[in-house]
Amino acid sequence: MDISVSGSGRHRRRLGKVLPAAAAGLALIGAGAFAVTSYAGESDAGRVVQPPPGAKTAQPAASSPSPSGDRTVTPRIIGGTASAASWMVQLVYNDPAGGSYFVCGGTLVAPNKVLTAAHCLHDENGNRQDWGKYGEVAVGTSKSVTVAGNGATYIDVTRSWVRDGYDPDAITNDVALLTLAKPVAQTTLELAGPGDSALYAAGTNATVYGWGLTSSNEDTADIASQLQKVTLPLNSDDACTQNLDPYFQAGKMVCAGQLGTGDDSTGKTTCPGDSGGPLVVGDKVVGIVSWGISQGKQLCNVSGTYEAFTKVSTYQPKVRPRIDDTDISRNGKADLFVRAASGGKGYVKESTGSGFATRKTLSGSWSAYNLVLQADMNRDGYQDFIIRRRSDGNVYWRHRSASSSTYTDTKIASDWATRKFVVVPGDVTGDRYPDLLSVTSGGTLYLYPGKGDGTYGTRTTVGSGYQVFNSLRGKGDFTGDGRSDLIARGSGGKLYLLKGTGKASAPFETGVQVRTWDGYNAFAAPGDVTGDGKADYVARTPGGTLYLYPGTGTASSEIFATRIKIGTGYTQYNIFG
């Protein structure tokens, strides 16, 4: 048995037993095989691109063991119906040697983020392609970008992330994320997380979407001209393991669908070209089209076989920090805002990955405020700020748009002068939208659930007793479980971790002491400074020495790695974002 990965367009790459859904039966269309010229800032609406090279021809299986003779695993919808889904996108790679090609499907999970399969970002030899240089994403259409009049808008890819440990031979850790040059207006989907086990119950109906092959026969297979969808029941891990042994890995993968029938008039399945697309339950992505079995000229719907998908809930804790990684310099590493005590000028110190570069002056007025927090409340990929005016306690959301670099201040709260703390830790309710927290002088913790557009739902009380802390900060996940946490300091310098729960009614657990920090008088939680997907922390001594504490993702006294000295002279700043 050979395997092919369901990949680009209508093709998949064969990996010995399984063919990625992206390259069904032929070279994986998702990476180095072709590259597309970057059209930064241009919509290039309706441009027609080519289907993956050799999309109609299955590639020979790789040299991996083939237990059943001539079967191969390939990427890939058979038996589906025409559909529209505004969060579905098409990945296009521009070959430096010439030509632009449809590669895979993908899902908008934020206005500037696309979830897809890792194999879509590699060539047929497993080499990582430069999607930040040659990649684009087509949005706003249900038609294939390979047909005229498709109406697509093309957005450049600025960077890509592939899960560490991606194995093109075993097709494990098959998950990736693309960052777009600018946000788009289409709707987004939420990722299933570790707490969503009920979504994976055997027999649950899931829907998969894609522009892959609509025929399983290599000689007659063509990429769908219109987005297709098909409903597939989820299968138990035991059934998947038995059917796809030894390639299926429970926990990292999920399989779905009826058994292949070998006959397209009765089959319902994904096929090469559907790779990277979502498997959806409710409004959450539970799987990513990854691989399936092919046999000879039959690229999918092989009799007696299931289709395999990346299990999203397993990878959500690793993907989520990459979705919420907005920073001022837009390189995926958190920068640090500082405000001068004299003159009130605002500066940014851009992350170097292990510290911060020389400060740069920020435009705008910062002197009238006594609180500045870095955030991205509308998840558009542009750095926002939450600022509180000293004179009246009014709180504003300072933000910009994709079409203008000029910042606008929008009032979001009045008379917060007596609020002890204001925090923007990210999503604490589990709905993927950034939230806002405040603590009253009496220690009551209020939650303002974000709507993803810079506005908030009705305030709720979610805690008390917070008056015992003299510092409360947080941005992102400090424990590696995919939930936003808080770091608080109490009397005696005791430092506490308040783990996030993802529940709106009680978003944080009781604090657990992780350190004793009585030698610092200022803190900042800018997010992931080092770019490893773990939230970091910044602390300043009374003498003005600034330290970076890299996060480890561990919920214990080892929560931070050895501190890194950033520099001295930081007493000149009285606000840290």
Protein backbone atom coordinates (compact mmCIF):
# COMPACT_ATOMS: atom_id res chain seq x y z
CA MET A 1 0.00 0.00 0.00
CA ASP A 2 1.31 3.44 -0.93
CA ILE A 3 0.33 6.68 0.71
CA SER A 4 -0.27 10.01 -0.92
CA VAL A 5 -0.89 13.35 0.74
CA SER A 6 -3.95 15.30 -0.33
CA GLY A 7 -2.43 18.48 -1.51
CA SER A 8 -2.52 21.28 -3.93
CA GLY A 9 -5.38 21.69 -6.20
CA ARG A 10 -6.13 18.28 -7.45
CA HIS A 11 -2.86 16.62 -6.68
CA ARG A 12 -1.19 14.94 -3.82
CA ARG A 13 2.29 13.91 -3.10
CA ARG A 14 2.89 10.23 -2.62
CA LEU A 15 4.80 9.38 0.47
CA GLY A 16 5.31 5.68 0.15
CA LYS A 17 2.02 4.56 1.55
CA VAL A 18 -0.14 7.59 1.88
CA LEU A 19 -0.62 10.39 -0.57
CA PRO A 20 -1.05 13.88 0.83
CA ALA A 21 -4.41 15.30 -0.08
CA ALA A 22 -2.56 18.15 -1.71
CA ALA A 23 -0.89 16.23 -4.46
CA ALA A 24 -3.06 13.27 -5.01
CA GLY A 25 -1.06 10.91 -7.03
CA LEU A 26 1.44 13.51 -8.14
CA ALA A 27 3.96 15.99 -6.91
CA LEU A 28 2.81 17.89 -3.89
CA ILE A 29 1.63 21.11 -5.34
CA GLY A 30 2.13 23.03 -2.25
CA ALA A 31 5.69 24.16 -2.19
CA GLY A 32 8.99 24.44 -3.87
CA ALA A 33 7.80 23.02 -7.16
CA PHE A 34 6.53 26.39 -8.19
CA ALA A 35 6.62 29.93 -6.97
CA VAL A 36 4.41 32.93 -7.59
CA THR A 37 5.55 36.48 -8.05
CA SER A 38 4.63 38.60 -5.06
CA TYR A 39 2.11 41.35 -5.71
CA ALA A 40 2.31 43.26 -2.46
CA GLY A 41 -0.59 45.59 -1.97
CA GLU A 42 -2.32 44.59 -5.21
CA SER A 43 -5.67 42.86 -5.32
CA ASP A 44 -5.11 41.63 -8.90
CA ALA A 45 -8.78 40.64 -8.83
CA GLY A 46 -9.77 37.61 -10.83
CA ARG A 47 -6.30 36.63 -12.03
CA VAL A 48 -6.27 33.11 -13.44
CA VAL A 49 -3.52 30.77 -12.29
CA GLN A 50 -2.53 27.30 -13.38
CA PRO A 51 -3.52 24.06 -11.72
CA PRO A 52 -0.61 22.27 -10.05
CA PRO A 53 2.01 21.06 -12.47
CA GLY A 54 1.12 17.56 -13.60
CA ALA A 55 -2.06 17.76 -11.65
CA LYS A 56 -3.64 15.09 -13.82
CA THR A 57 -0.83 12.61 -13.38
CA ALA A 58 -0.20 10.62 -10.23
CA GLN A 59 3.39 10.58 -9.05
CA PRO A 60 5.09 7.28 -8.42
CA ALA A 61 5.05 6.25 -4.80
CA ALA A 62 8.01 6.99 -2.61
CA SER A 63 10.30 4.26 -1.44
CA SER A 64 8.52 3.69 1.85
CA PRO A 65 7.31 0.15 2.55
CA SER A 66 4.17 -0.70 0.61
CA PRO A 67 2.31 -3.41 2.56
CA SER A 68 -0.42 -3.86 -0.03
CA GLY A 69 1.43 -3.72 -3.24
CA ASP A 70 0.48 -0.75 -5.36
CA ARG A 71 -1.56 1.36 -2.95
CA THR A 72 -0.32 4.84 -2.15
CA VAL A 73 -1.39 7.61 0.19
CA THR A 74 -2.42 10.88 -1.51
CA PRO A 75 -3.71 14.37 -0.53
CA ARG A 76 -7.24 15.50 -1.87
CA ILE A 77 -14.00 15.89 -2.78
CA ILE A 78 -15.84 13.09 -4.29
CA GLY A 79 -19.63 12.97 -3.88
CA GLY A 80 -19.83 16.58 -2.75
CA THR A 81 -22.01 19.52 -3.65
CA ALA A 82 -21.18 23.06 -4.76
CA SER A 83 -20.79 25.42 -1.86
CA ALA A 84 -19.68 28.84 -0.70
CA ALA A 85 -17.76 29.62 2.48
CA SER A 86 -16.25 33.05 2.96
CA TRP A 87 -13.53 31.74 5.26
CA MET A 88 -12.21 29.34 2.58
CA VAL A 89 -9.14 30.51 0.70
CA GLN A 90 -6.89 29.14 -2.02
CA LEU A 91 -3.12 29.00 -1.72
CA VAL A 92 -1.17 30.11 -4.79
CA TYR A 93 2.57 29.69 -5.26
CA ASN A 94 4.51 31.69 -7.84
CA ASP A 95 7.33 29.75 -9.43
CA PRO A 96 10.51 31.81 -9.88
CA ALA A 97 11.00 29.81 -13.07
CA GLY A 98 7.63 31.00 -14.33
CA GLY A 99 3.98 30.38 -13.64
CA SER A 100 1.55 30.76 -10.77
CA TYR A 101 -0.09 27.63 -9.44
CA PHE A 102 -3.00 26.66 -7.23
CA VAL A 103 -1.58 24.55 -4.42
CA CYS A 104 -4.00 23.88 -1.58
CA GLY A 105 -7.00 25.09 0.37
CA GLY A 106 -6.86 26.96 3.66
CA THR A 107 -9.05 28.46 6.37
CA LEU A 108 -9.14 32.02 7.64
CA VAL A 109 -8.78 31.77 11.41
CA ALA A 110 -8.16 35.52 11.87
CA PRO A 111 -8.41 38.44 9.44
CA ASN A 112 -4.72 38.02 8.56
CA LYS A 113 -4.09 34.33 9.33
CA VAL A 114 -4.67 31.17 7.27
CA LEU A 115 -4.60 27.64 8.67
CA THR A 116 -3.44 24.94 6.26
CA ALA A 117 -1.42 21.73 6.06
CA ALA A 118 2.34 21.73 6.46
CA HIS A 119 2.84 19.58 3.35
CA CYS A 120 1.24 22.38 1.31
CA LEU A 121 4.27 24.55 2.06
CA HIS A 122 6.81 21.97 0.86
CA ASP A 123 7.76 20.77 -2.59
CA GLU A 124 7.44 17.20 -3.87
CA ASN A 125 10.83 16.39 -2.34
CA GLY A 126 9.83 17.62 1.10
CA ASN A 127 11.81 20.87 0.89
CA ARG A 128 10.34 23.92 2.63
CA GLN A 129 9.29 26.61 0.16
CA ASP A 130 9.62 30.35 0.71
CA TRP A 131 5.98 31.33 1.02
CA GLY A 132 6.91 34.70 2.49
CA LYS A 133 8.55 35.56 -0.83
CA TYR A 134 6.54 33.63 -3.42
CA GLY A 135 3.20 32.88 -1.77
CA GLU A 136 -0.23 34.43 -2.14
CA VAL A 137 -3.70 33.65 -0.86
CA ALA A 138 -6.83 34.11 -2.99
CA VAL A 139 -9.89 35.22 -1.03
CA GLY A 140 -13.45 36.29 -1.68
CA THR A 141 -14.53 33.64 -4.19
CA SER A 142 -16.03 30.16 -4.29
CA LYS A 143 -14.73 29.66 -7.82
CA SER A 144 -11.40 28.02 -8.49
CA VAL A 145 -8.61 30.45 -9.29
CA THR A 146 -7.83 28.22 -12.27
CA VAL A 147 -10.96 29.42 -14.12
CA ALA A 148 -11.67 32.75 -15.80
CA GLY A 149 -13.94 35.22 -14.06
CA ASN A 150 -13.14 33.80 -10.64
CA GLY A 151 -13.34 37.22 -8.94
CA ALA A 152 -10.63 36.39 -6.43
CA THR A 153 -8.60 38.97 -4.58
CA TYR A 154 -4.97 38.05 -4.06
CA ILE A 155 -3.16 38.89 -0.83
CA ASP A 156 0.57 38.42 -0.32
CA VAL A 157 1.89 36.06 2.31
CA THR A 158 4.50 37.73 4.52
CA ARG A 159 5.60 34.74 6.58
CA SER A 160 4.78 31.13 7.29
CA TRP A 161 4.98 28.83 10.28
CA VAL A 162 5.20 25.05 10.21
CA ARG A 163 4.80 22.93 13.32
CA ASP A 164 8.13 21.71 14.66
CA GLY A 165 8.56 18.03 13.96
CA TYR A 166 6.62 17.98 10.72
CA ASP A 167 7.55 14.70 9.05
CA PRO A 168 6.81 14.50 5.31
CA ASP A 169 7.38 10.75 5.28
CA ALA A 170 5.08 9.87 8.17
CA ILE A 171 2.86 12.88 7.42
CA THR A 172 2.74 13.79 11.11
CA ASN A 173 2.45 17.27 12.63
CA ASP A 174 0.89 18.29 9.31
CA VAL A 175 -0.19 21.80 10.30
CA ALA A 176 0.93 25.26 9.20
CA LEU A 177 -0.10 28.90 9.42
CA LEU A 178 0.30 31.75 6.95
CA THR A 179 0.40 35.44 7.86
CA LEU A 180 -1.09 37.80 5.28
CA ALA A 181 0.26 41.20 4.28
CA LYS A 182 -3.02 42.81 5.24
CA PRO A 183 -6.28 41.77 6.92
CA VAL A 184 -9.31 40.71 4.91
CA ALA A 185 -13.00 41.29 5.61
CA GLN A 186 -14.14 37.68 5.24
CA THR A 187 -15.46 35.72 8.22
CA THR A 188 -13.19 33.44 10.22
CA LEU A 189 -13.49 30.08 11.95
CA GLU A 190 -12.37 29.03 15.41
CA LEU A 191 -9.96 26.19 16.15
CA ALA A 192 -11.07 23.21 18.22
CA GLY A 193 -9.05 23.06 21.43
CA PRO A 194 -8.04 20.51 24.07
CA GLY A 195 -11.40 20.97 25.83
CA ASP A 196 -13.42 20.10 22.73
CA SER A 197 -13.23 16.31 22.94
CA ALA A 198 -17.02 16.06 22.48
CA LEU A 199 -16.63 17.38 18.94
CA TYR A 200 -14.65 14.26 18.06
CA ALA A 201 -17.19 11.68 19.23
CA ALA A 202 -17.48 8.81 16.76
CA GLY A 203 -20.49 9.30 14.51
CA THR A 204 -20.41 13.10 14.70
CA ASN A 205 -21.06 14.61 11.28
CA ALA A 206 -18.34 16.93 10.02
CA THR A 207 -18.16 18.91 6.79
CA VAL A 208 -15.06 19.17 4.64
CA TYR A 209 -14.45 21.79 1.95
CA GLY A 210 -12.12 21.95 -1.02
CA TRP A 211 -11.37 22.55 -4.70
CA GLY A 212 -9.76 19.15 -5.19
CA LEU A 213 -10.42 16.43 -7.75
CA THR A 214 -14.04 15.56 -8.43
CA SER A 215 -13.18 12.21 -9.96
CA SER A 216 -10.98 9.54 -8.45
CA ASN A 217 -9.67 8.28 -11.78
CA GLU A 218 -6.33 9.73 -12.77
CA ASP A 219 -7.25 9.78 -16.46
CA THR A 220 -10.45 11.80 -15.99
CA ALA A 221 -9.76 13.74 -12.79
CA ASP A 222 -9.98 17.52 -12.87
CA ILE A 223 -9.85 20.16 -10.20
CA ALA A 224 -13.28 21.43 -9.17
CA SER A 225 -14.19 24.75 -10.77
CA GLN A 226 -16.46 25.53 -7.80
CA LEU A 227 -15.84 24.99 -4.10
CA GLN A 228 -17.21 21.62 -3.00
CA LYS A 229 -18.31 20.30 0.37
CA VAL A 230 -19.28 16.90 1.68
CA THR A 231 -20.48 15.64 5.06
CA LEU A 232 -18.41 12.87 6.62
CA PRO A 233 -18.98 11.04 9.92
CA LEU A 234 -16.04 11.01 12.30
CA ASN A 235 -14.67 7.58 13.14
CA SER A 236 -13.22 6.23 16.37
CA ASP A 237 -9.47 6.07 16.85
CA ASP A 238 -9.70 2.29 17.04
CA ALA A 239 -11.48 2.10 13.70
CA CYS A 240 -8.97 4.50 12.14
CA THR A 241 -5.98 2.62 13.50
CA GLN A 242 -7.31 -0.70 12.28
CA ASN A 243 -8.09 0.68 8.83
CA LEU A 244 -4.99 2.82 8.29
CA ASP A 245 -2.39 0.94 10.32
CA PRO A 246 0.54 1.53 10.61
CA TYR A 247 0.31 5.09 9.34
CA PHE A 248 -2.51 6.46 11.46
CA GLN A 249 -1.40 8.06 14.73
CA ALA A 250 -4.19 8.50 17.27
CA GLY A 251 -4.05 11.86 19.01
CA LYS A 252 -2.28 13.54 16.10
CA MET A 253 -4.76 12.48 13.45
CA VAL A 254 -8.47 11.79 13.04
CA CYS A 255 -10.13 9.87 10.25
CA ALA A 256 -13.57 10.45 8.78
CA GLY A 257 -16.05 9.34 6.18
CA GLN A 258 -17.67 6.15 5.03
CA LEU A 259 -15.39 3.46 3.73
CA GLY A 260 -14.23 4.12 0.20
CA THR A 261 -16.46 2.42 -2.37
CA GLY A 262 -14.22 2.46 -5.42
CA ASP A 263 -17.15 3.97 -7.34
CA ASP A 264 -17.53 7.76 -7.57
CA SER A 265 -21.32 7.46 -7.97
CA THR A 266 -21.54 6.13 -4.41
CA GLY A 267 -18.39 7.46 -2.76
CA LYS A 268 -18.09 10.50 -0.51
CA THR A 269 -14.55 11.54 0.26
CA THR A 270 -11.77 14.07 -0.13
CA CYS A 271 -9.38 13.76 -3.03
CA PRO A 272 -6.03 15.24 -4.09
CA GLY A 273 -6.18 19.01 -4.22
CA ASP A 274 -8.36 19.29 -1.12
CA SER A 275 -5.27 19.34 1.10
CA GLY A 276 -5.09 22.08 3.71
CA GLY A 277 -8.86 22.58 3.77
CA PRO A 278 -10.91 22.36 6.97
CA LEU A 279 -12.96 19.58 8.51
CA VAL A 280 -15.65 21.51 10.40
CA VAL A 281 -18.00 20.62 13.26
CA GLY A 282 -20.35 23.44 14.25
CA ASP A 283 -18.25 26.56 13.77
CA LYS A 284 -14.92 25.01 14.72
CA VAL A 285 -12.16 23.49 12.65
CA VAL A 286 -11.56 19.99 14.02
CA GLY A 287 -9.31 18.71 11.25
CA ILE A 288 -7.13 19.67 8.30
CA VAL A 289 -7.23 17.60 5.10
CA SER A 290 -3.95 15.71 5.21
CA TRP A 291 -3.72 12.33 3.48
CA GLY A 292 -5.53 9.34 2.10
CA ILE A 293 -4.97 6.11 0.19
CA SER A 294 -4.54 5.83 -3.57
CA GLN A 295 -4.15 2.69 -5.65
CA GLY A 296 -2.83 2.70 -9.17
CA LYS A 297 -4.84 5.20 -11.21
CA GLN A 298 -7.44 5.53 -8.47
CA LEU A 299 -6.34 8.62 -6.58
CA CYS A 300 -8.95 8.48 -3.80
CA ASN A 301 -12.14 6.64 -2.79
CA VAL A 302 -10.14 3.43 -2.71
CA SER A 303 -12.44 0.61 -1.66
CA GLY A 304 -12.45 -0.07 2.08
CA THR A 305 -10.34 2.92 3.18
CA TYR A 306 -10.88 6.07 5.25
CA GLU A 307 -9.41 9.57 4.87
CA ALA A 308 -6.98 11.05 7.43
CA PHE A 309 -6.95 14.58 8.83
CA THR A 310 -4.65 16.47 11.18
CA LYS A 311 -6.36 16.63 14.60
CA VAL A 312 -6.58 20.36 15.25
CA SER A 313 -7.37 20.21 18.98
CA THR A 314 -3.98 18.60 19.61
CA TYR A 315 -2.12 21.40 17.90
CA GLN A 316 -4.28 24.35 18.97
CA PRO A 317 -2.01 25.28 21.92
CA LYS A 318 0.90 25.61 19.50
CA VAL A 319 -1.04 27.34 16.72
CA ARG A 320 -2.92 29.85 18.87
CA PRO A 321 0.13 31.95 19.89
CA ARG A 322 1.04 32.20 16.21
CA ILE A 323 -2.41 33.57 15.41
CA ASP A 324 -2.24 36.23 18.12
CA ASP A 325 1.33 37.42 17.49
CA THR A 326 0.76 41.01 16.42
CA ASP A 327 3.65 43.37 17.08
CA ILE A 328 4.70 46.84 15.99
CA SER A 329 7.38 45.69 13.53
CA ARG A 330 5.11 42.89 12.20
CA ASN A 331 7.73 40.14 12.31
CA GLY A 332 5.94 37.85 14.75
CA LYS A 333 8.10 38.77 17.76
CA ALA A 334 6.68 41.03 20.45
CA ASP A 335 8.18 44.50 20.70
CA LEU A 336 8.27 46.68 23.81
CA PHE A 337 6.59 50.08 24.19
CA VAL A 338 8.22 52.50 26.64
CA ARG A 339 7.22 56.06 27.58
CA ALA A 340 9.80 58.62 28.69
CA ALA A 341 9.24 60.05 32.17
CA SER A 342 10.51 63.41 30.96
CA GLY A 343 8.67 64.85 27.98
CA GLY A 344 6.29 61.92 27.63
CA LYS A 345 7.55 60.67 24.27
CA GLY A 346 6.64 57.15 23.23
CA TYR A 347 9.21 54.71 21.89
CA VAL A 348 9.27 51.19 20.57
CA LYS A 349 12.11 48.76 21.16
CA GLU A 350 11.79 46.10 18.50
CA SER A 351 12.49 42.50 19.39
CA THR A 352 15.72 40.93 18.19
CA GLY A 353 14.60 37.47 19.28
CA SER A 354 16.83 37.53 22.35
CA GLY A 355 16.36 41.10 23.48
CA PHE A 356 15.44 44.51 22.11
CA ALA A 357 17.02 46.82 19.55
CA THR A 358 17.73 50.52 19.91
CA ARG A 359 14.59 52.50 20.57
CA LYS A 360 12.61 54.18 17.80
CA THR A 361 10.36 57.18 18.35
CA LEU A 362 6.64 56.64 17.91
CA SER A 363 4.53 59.40 16.44
CA GLY A 364 1.54 60.76 18.29
CA SER A 365 1.01 62.14 21.77
CA TRP A 366 1.66 59.90 24.78
CA SER A 367 2.23 62.41 27.58
CA ALA A 368 -1.42 62.70 28.67
CA TYR A 369 -1.73 59.04 29.65
CA ASN A 370 -0.82 57.03 32.72
CA LEU A 371 -1.37 53.60 31.21
CA VAL A 372 -0.40 52.19 27.82
CA LEU A 373 -0.91 48.54 26.88
CA GLN A 374 -0.01 46.81 23.63
CA ALA A 375 -2.83 44.82 22.07
CA ASP A 376 -4.63 43.85 18.86
CA MET A 377 -8.27 44.09 19.82
CA ASN A 378 -9.69 43.63 16.31
CA ARG A 379 -7.16 40.96 15.29
CA ASP A 380 -6.18 42.69 12.06
CA GLY A 381 -2.45 42.20 12.48
CA TYR A 382 -1.74 45.84 13.30
CA GLN A 383 -0.58 46.83 16.78
CA ASP A 384 -3.23 48.59 18.88
CA PHE A 385 -2.87 50.31 22.22
CA ILE A 386 -5.19 50.59 25.20
CA ILE A 387 -4.48 53.96 26.82
CA ARG A 388 -5.92 55.70 29.89
CA ARG A 389 -6.02 59.49 30.10
CA ARG A 390 -4.68 60.86 33.35
CA SER A 391 -7.03 63.85 33.60
CA ASP A 392 -10.34 61.99 33.67
CA GLY A 393 -9.61 58.26 33.65
CA ASN A 394 -11.17 57.75 30.23
CA VAL A 395 -9.83 54.73 28.36
CA TYR A 396 -9.26 54.71 24.62
CA TRP A 397 -8.51 52.14 21.95
CA ARG A 398 -5.77 53.58 19.74
CA HIS A 399 -5.83 51.77 16.40
CA ARG A 400 -5.10 52.07 12.70
CA SER A 401 -6.46 50.45 9.55
CA ALA A 402 -5.02 48.55 6.61
CA SER A 403 -5.57 51.53 4.35
CA SER A 404 -4.09 54.18 6.63
CA SER A 405 -1.15 54.28 9.02
CA THR A 406 -2.79 57.11 10.97
CA TYR A 407 -3.97 56.06 14.41
CA THR A 408 -7.45 56.86 15.71
CA ASP A 409 -8.50 57.03 19.36
CA THR A 410 -11.88 55.46 20.15
CA LYS A 411 -13.23 55.82 23.68
CA ILE A 412 -14.12 52.48 25.24
CA ALA A 413 -14.59 53.40 28.93
CA SER A 414 -15.18 56.43 31.12
CA ASP A 415 -13.86 57.33 34.56
CA TRP A 416 -11.48 54.45 35.14
CA ALA A 417 -9.10 56.61 37.17
CA THR A 418 -9.57 54.45 40.25
CA ARG A 419 -9.19 51.11 38.48
CA LYS A 420 -6.24 49.39 40.12
CA PHE A 421 -5.37 47.35 37.04
CA VAL A 422 -6.30 47.17 33.37
CA VAL A 423 -5.12 44.10 31.45
CA VAL A 424 -5.39 42.89 27.84
CA PRO A 425 -4.23 39.25 28.06
CA GLY A 426 -5.80 38.09 24.81
CA ASP A 427 -8.74 35.70 24.57
CA VAL A 428 -9.77 34.52 28.03
CA THR A 429 -13.29 33.30 27.19
CA GLY A 430 -12.37 30.70 24.58
CA ASP A 431 -14.13 32.37 21.64
CA ARG A 432 -10.85 33.48 19.94
CA TYR A 433 -11.58 37.21 20.38
CA PRO A 434 -9.28 39.39 22.57
CA ASP A 435 -10.86 40.47 25.84
CA LEU A 436 -10.36 43.32 28.31
CA LEU A 437 -10.03 43.06 32.09
CA SER A 438 -10.11 45.65 34.86
CA VAL A 439 -9.78 45.50 38.63
CA THR A 440 -11.53 47.97 40.93
CA SER A 441 -9.87 49.57 43.94
CA GLY A 442 -11.77 47.05 46.04
CA GLY A 443 -10.29 44.10 44.15
CA THR A 444 -13.24 43.07 41.94
CA LEU A 445 -12.20 41.61 38.59
CA TYR A 446 -14.37 42.59 35.65
CA LEU A 447 -14.38 40.94 32.24
CA TYR A 448 -15.33 42.81 29.08
CA PRO A 449 -15.71 40.13 26.39
CA GLY A 450 -14.30 41.28 23.09
CA LYS A 451 -16.31 41.03 19.88
CA GLY A 452 -13.28 40.98 17.61
CA ASP A 453 -13.88 44.48 16.25
CA GLY A 454 -12.66 46.66 19.09
CA THR A 455 -16.00 46.64 20.90
CA TYR A 456 -17.11 44.63 23.93
CA GLY A 457 -20.05 42.74 25.30
CA THR A 458 -21.73 43.27 28.66
CA ARG A 459 -19.37 43.49 31.62
CA THR A 460 -19.37 40.54 34.01
CA THR A 461 -17.84 40.03 37.44
CA VAL A 462 -15.41 37.11 37.30
CA GLY A 463 -13.32 37.41 40.46
CA SER A 464 -12.60 39.18 43.72
CA GLY A 465 -9.71 39.70 46.13
CA TYR A 466 -7.37 41.15 43.51
CA GLN A 467 -6.60 44.15 45.74
CA VAL A 468 -3.87 42.05 47.40
CA PHE A 469 -1.70 42.32 44.29
CA ASN A 470 0.60 45.23 43.49
CA SER A 471 1.08 44.17 39.87
CA LEU A 472 -1.16 42.32 37.43
CA ARG A 473 0.02 41.66 33.89
CA GLY A 474 -0.52 39.19 31.11
CA LYS A 475 -0.36 38.75 27.35
CA GLY A 476 -0.71 35.29 25.93
CA ASP A 477 -0.16 31.76 27.19
CA PHE A 478 2.53 31.15 29.81
CA THR A 479 1.78 27.45 30.34
CA GLY A 480 1.48 25.96 26.86
CA ASP A 481 -2.16 24.88 27.14
CA GLY A 482 -3.55 27.35 24.60
CA ARG A 483 -5.22 29.62 27.17
CA SER A 484 -4.32 33.16 28.20
CA ASP A 485 -2.87 33.52 31.69
CA LEU A 486 -2.06 36.28 34.17
CA ILE A 487 1.06 37.00 36.22
CA ALA A 488 0.45 38.77 39.56
CA ARG A 489 2.75 39.95 42.33
CA GLY A 490 1.70 40.21 45.96
CA SER A 491 3.25 41.20 49.26
CA GLY A 492 6.80 40.10 49.93
CA GLY A 493 7.47 39.99 46.20
CA LYS A 494 5.63 36.70 45.77
CA LEU A 495 4.91 36.09 42.10
CA TYR A 496 1.80 34.13 41.17
CA LEU A 497 0.61 32.40 38.03
CA LEU A 498 -3.15 32.63 37.44
CA LYS A 499 -3.79 29.97 34.84
CA GLY A 500 -6.46 30.64 32.27
CA THR A 501 -9.41 28.27 32.03
CA GLY A 502 -10.96 29.43 28.77
CA LYS A 503 -14.31 29.80 30.58
CA ALA A 504 -16.08 33.15 30.53
CA SER A 505 -17.71 32.63 33.94
CA ALA A 506 -14.42 31.92 35.74
CA PRO A 507 -11.53 32.67 33.38
CA PHE A 508 -8.69 32.13 35.88
CA GLU A 509 -7.70 29.56 38.45
CA THR A 510 -6.51 30.45 41.94
CA GLY A 511 -3.01 31.86 41.85
CA VAL A 512 -0.05 29.52 42.38
CA GLN A 513 3.23 31.00 43.58
CA VAL A 514 6.00 30.44 41.04
CA ARG A 515 8.72 32.90 42.12
CA THR A 516 9.68 35.55 44.68
CA TRP A 517 10.47 38.82 42.94
CA ASP A 518 10.98 41.62 45.45
CA GLY A 519 13.82 43.20 43.48
CA TYR A 520 11.74 44.74 40.70
CA ASN A 521 9.53 47.81 40.56
CA ALA A 522 8.14 47.67 37.01
CA PHE A 523 6.92 44.91 34.72
CA ALA A 524 5.71 44.38 31.17
CA ALA A 525 4.01 41.47 29.44
CA PRO A 526 4.43 42.27 25.74
CA GLY A 527 3.84 38.71 24.53
CA ASP A 528 6.23 36.37 22.76
CA VAL A 529 9.48 38.31 22.41
CA THR A 530 11.68 35.37 21.39
CA GLY A 531 9.36 34.00 18.69
CA ASP A 532 9.12 30.48 20.12
CA GLY A 533 5.37 30.62 20.71
CA LYS A 534 5.69 31.08 24.49
CA ALA A 535 4.76 34.23 26.36
CA ASP A 536 7.68 36.14 27.88
CA TYR A 537 7.98 38.71 30.66
CA VAL A 538 9.98 41.89 31.28
CA ALA A 539 11.09 43.27 34.66
CA ARG A 540 13.01 46.38 35.78
CA THR A 541 15.02 46.88 38.96
CA PRO A 542 14.81 50.11 41.01
CA GLY A 543 18.30 50.87 39.71
CA GLY A 544 17.07 50.82 36.11
CA THR A 545 18.35 47.46 34.84
CA LEU A 546 15.90 45.78 32.50
CA TYR A 547 15.65 42.00 32.15
CA LEU A 548 13.84 39.72 29.75
CA TYR A 549 12.49 36.48 31.20
CA PRO A 550 11.87 33.99 28.36
CA GLY A 551 8.83 31.82 28.99
CA THR A 552 9.21 28.04 29.13
CA GLY A 553 5.56 27.02 28.92
CA THR A 554 5.84 25.33 32.33
CA ALA A 555 3.31 26.01 35.09
CA SER A 556 5.82 25.84 37.94
CA SER A 557 8.81 27.67 39.39
CA GLU A 558 10.47 26.91 36.05
CA ILE A 559 7.95 29.12 34.27
CA PHE A 560 10.80 31.36 33.07
CA ALA A 561 14.23 30.48 31.73
CA THR A 562 17.41 32.25 32.86
CA ARG A 563 16.89 35.98 32.64
CA ILE A 564 18.57 38.01 29.90
CA LYS A 565 20.00 41.41 30.76
CA ILE A 566 18.67 43.96 28.28
CA GLY A 567 20.47 47.03 29.57
CA THR A 568 20.61 49.80 32.14
CA GLY A 569 19.22 53.31 32.37
CA TYR A 570 15.57 52.29 32.23
CA THR A 571 14.60 54.56 35.10
CA GLN A 572 14.13 57.18 32.36
CA TYR A 573 10.88 55.42 31.44
CA ASN A 574 7.75 55.44 33.58
CA ILE A 575 5.42 53.34 31.42
CA PHE A 576 6.11 49.92 29.94
CA GLY A 577 3.60 48.40 27.52
